Amino acid sequence: MVINSVIGGVTKPVSDFPYENFPIKLTHKDGKDKKICWFQCVEHYQKYINRHKLKPNDFEVITNNVEIVGKGTRRKSNKKR
């Protein structure tokens, strides 16, 4: 999807993937704010999901010809409770 953006009187096309080297886009709510994150690879995407303990229904992922296998998984902690 291409949307035109007007910045300083100049119209520029804006795509869903403005960064060529970041083909994974994750959008989620952080408190009251909407947060948009870009990732270079699936490993960085998984690490972010694990760190922030996001559940599959808490976020939306859009990729630019990158296959993501499965939905975010969280690692189990080795800590004894």
C-alpha atoms as a PDB file:
ATOM      1  CA  MET A   1       0.000   0.000   0.000  1.00  0.00           C
ATOM      2  CA  VAL A   2       1.400   3.382  -0.990  1.00  0.00           C
ATOM      3  CA  ILE A   3       0.181   6.553   0.705  1.00  0.00           C
ATOM      4  CA  ASN A   4       1.251  10.040  -0.265  1.00  0.00           C
ATOM      5  CA  SER A   5       2.686  12.113   2.555  1.00  0.00           C
ATOM      6  CA  VAL A   6       2.966  15.886   2.455  1.00  0.00           C
ATOM      7  CA  ILE A   7       6.040  17.177   4.292  1.00  0.00           C
ATOM      8  CA  GLY A   8       6.990  20.830   3.881  1.00  0.00           C
ATOM      9  CA  GLY A   9       4.735  21.190   0.837  1.00  0.00           C
ATOM     10  CA  VAL A  10       6.431  18.291  -0.984  1.00  0.00           C
ATOM     11  CA  THR A  11       4.413  15.136  -1.662  1.00  0.00           C
ATOM     12  CA  LYS A  12       6.373  11.935  -1.105  1.00  0.00           C
ATOM     13  CA  PRO A  13       5.154   8.327  -1.444  1.00  0.00           C
ATOM     14  CA  VAL A  14       5.250   6.382   1.823  1.00  0.00           C
ATOM     15  CA  SER A  15       5.192   2.586   1.774  1.00  0.00           C
ATOM     16  CA  ASP A  16       4.560   0.034   4.510  1.00  0.00           C
ATOM     17  CA  PHE A  17       8.274  -0.805   4.322  1.00  0.00           C
ATOM     18  CA  PRO A  18      10.310   2.411   4.110  1.00  0.00           C
ATOM     19  CA  TYR A  19      13.466   0.595   5.303  1.00  0.00           C
ATOM     20  CA  GLU A  20      14.807  -1.852   2.737  1.00  0.00           C
ATOM     21  CA  ASN A  21      16.923  -3.777   5.271  1.00  0.00           C
ATOM     22  CA  PHE A  22      14.066  -4.178   7.788  1.00  0.00           C
ATOM     23  CA  PRO A  23      11.473  -6.486   6.170  1.00  0.00           C
ATOM     24  CA  ILE A  24       9.477  -7.281   9.341  1.00  0.00           C
ATOM     25  CA  LYS A  25       7.069  -4.738  10.817  1.00  0.00           C
ATOM     26  CA  LEU A  26       5.438  -5.353  14.203  1.00  0.00           C
ATOM     27  CA  THR A  27       2.716  -3.091  15.596  1.00  0.00           C
ATOM     28  CA  HIS A  28       1.455  -3.300  19.167  1.00  0.00           C
ATOM     29  CA  LYS A  29       0.062  -1.189  21.985  1.00  0.00           C
ATOM     30  CA  ASP A  30       2.461  -0.052  24.677  1.00  0.00           C
ATOM     31  CA  GLY A  31       0.218   1.340  27.385  1.00  0.00           C
ATOM     32  CA  LYS A  32      -1.930   3.927  25.603  1.00  0.00           C
ATOM     33  CA  ASP A  33       0.518   4.412  22.728  1.00  0.00           C
ATOM     34  CA  LYS A  34       0.762   2.487  19.469  1.00  0.00           C
ATOM     35  CA  LYS A  35       4.292   1.215  18.911  1.00  0.00           C
ATOM     36  CA  ILE A  36       5.759   0.285  15.513  1.00  0.00           C
ATOM     37  CA  CYS A  37       8.909  -1.846  15.465  1.00  0.00           C
ATOM     38  CA  TRP A  38      11.093  -2.887  12.524  1.00  0.00           C
ATOM     39  CA  PHE A  39      13.294  -5.993  12.467  1.00  0.00           C
ATOM     40  CA  GLN A  40      16.098  -7.196  10.193  1.00  0.00           C
ATOM     41  CA  CYS A  41      15.519 -10.888  10.828  1.00  0.00           C
ATOM     42  CA  VAL A  42      13.151 -13.386  12.439  1.00  0.00           C
ATOM     43  CA  GLU A  43      15.561 -13.943  15.351  1.00  0.00           C
ATOM     44  CA  HIS A  44      15.378 -10.265  16.363  1.00  0.00           C
ATOM     45  CA  TYR A  45      11.579 -10.367  16.029  1.00  0.00           C
ATOM     46  CA  GLN A  46      11.350 -13.471  18.271  1.00  0.00           C
ATOM     47  CA  LYS A  47      13.734 -11.943  20.815  1.00  0.00           C
ATOM     48  CA  TYR A  48      11.545  -8.812  21.061  1.00  0.00           C
ATOM     49  CA  ILE A  49       8.357 -10.863  21.530  1.00  0.00           C
ATOM     50  CA  ASN A  50      10.019 -12.945  24.250  1.00  0.00           C
ATOM     51  CA  ARG A  51      11.457  -9.908  26.039  1.00  0.00           C
ATOM     52  CA  HIS A  52       8.132  -8.044  26.117  1.00  0.00           C
ATOM     53  CA  LYS A  53       6.044 -11.202  26.732  1.00  0.00           C
ATOM     54  CA  LEU A  54       3.653 -10.404  23.874  1.00  0.00           C
ATOM     55  CA  LYS A  55       0.860 -12.859  23.113  1.00  0.00           C
ATOM     56  CA  PRO A  56      -0.230 -13.542  19.501  1.00  0.00           C
ATOM     57  CA  ASN A  57      -3.427 -11.494  19.883  1.00  0.00           C
ATOM     58  CA  ASP A  58      -1.496  -8.492  21.317  1.00  0.00           C
ATOM     59  CA  PHE A  59       0.305  -7.560  18.092  1.00  0.00           C
ATOM     60  CA  GLU A  60       0.114  -7.442  14.297  1.00  0.00           C
ATOM     61  CA  VAL A  61       2.981  -8.512  12.031  1.00  0.00           C
ATOM     62  CA  ILE A  62       3.448  -7.532   8.397  1.00  0.00           C
ATOM     63  CA  THR A  63       6.350  -8.879   6.369  1.00  0.00           C
ATOM     64  CA  ASN A  64       7.893  -7.955   3.055  1.00  0.00           C
ATOM     65  CA  ASN A  65       8.432 -11.396   1.442  1.00  0.00           C
ATOM     66  CA  VAL A  66       9.817 -12.922   4.658  1.00  0.00           C
ATOM     67  CA  GLU A  67       8.347 -16.156   5.953  1.00  0.00           C
ATOM     68  CA  ILE A  68       7.731 -16.310   9.699  1.00  0.00           C
ATOM     69  CA  VAL A  69       7.139 -19.837  10.902  1.00  0.00           C
ATOM     70  CA  GLY A  70       4.780 -20.127  13.853  1.00  0.00           C
ATOM     71  CA  LYS A  71       3.650 -17.362  16.112  1.00  0.00           C
ATOM     72  CA  GLY A  72       5.822 -15.766  18.770  1.00  0.00           C
ATOM     73  CA  THR A  73       6.986 -18.189  21.417  1.00  0.00           C
ATOM     74  CA  ARG A  74       8.100 -17.434  24.919  1.00  0.00           C
ATOM     75  CA  ARG A  75      10.935 -19.294  26.570  1.00  0.00           C
ATOM     76  CA  LYS A  76      10.324 -20.967  29.880  1.00  0.00           C
ATOM     77  CA  SER A  77      12.350 -19.634  32.757  1.00  0.00           C
ATOM     78  CA  ASN A  78      14.708 -21.924  34.652  1.00  0.00           C
ATOM     79  CA  LYS A  79      14.069 -20.011  37.875  1.00  0.00           C
ATOM     80  CA  LYS A  80      12.556 -21.969  40.717  1.00  0.00           C
ATOM     81  CA  ARG A  81       9.622 -20.338  42.388  1.00  0.00           C
END
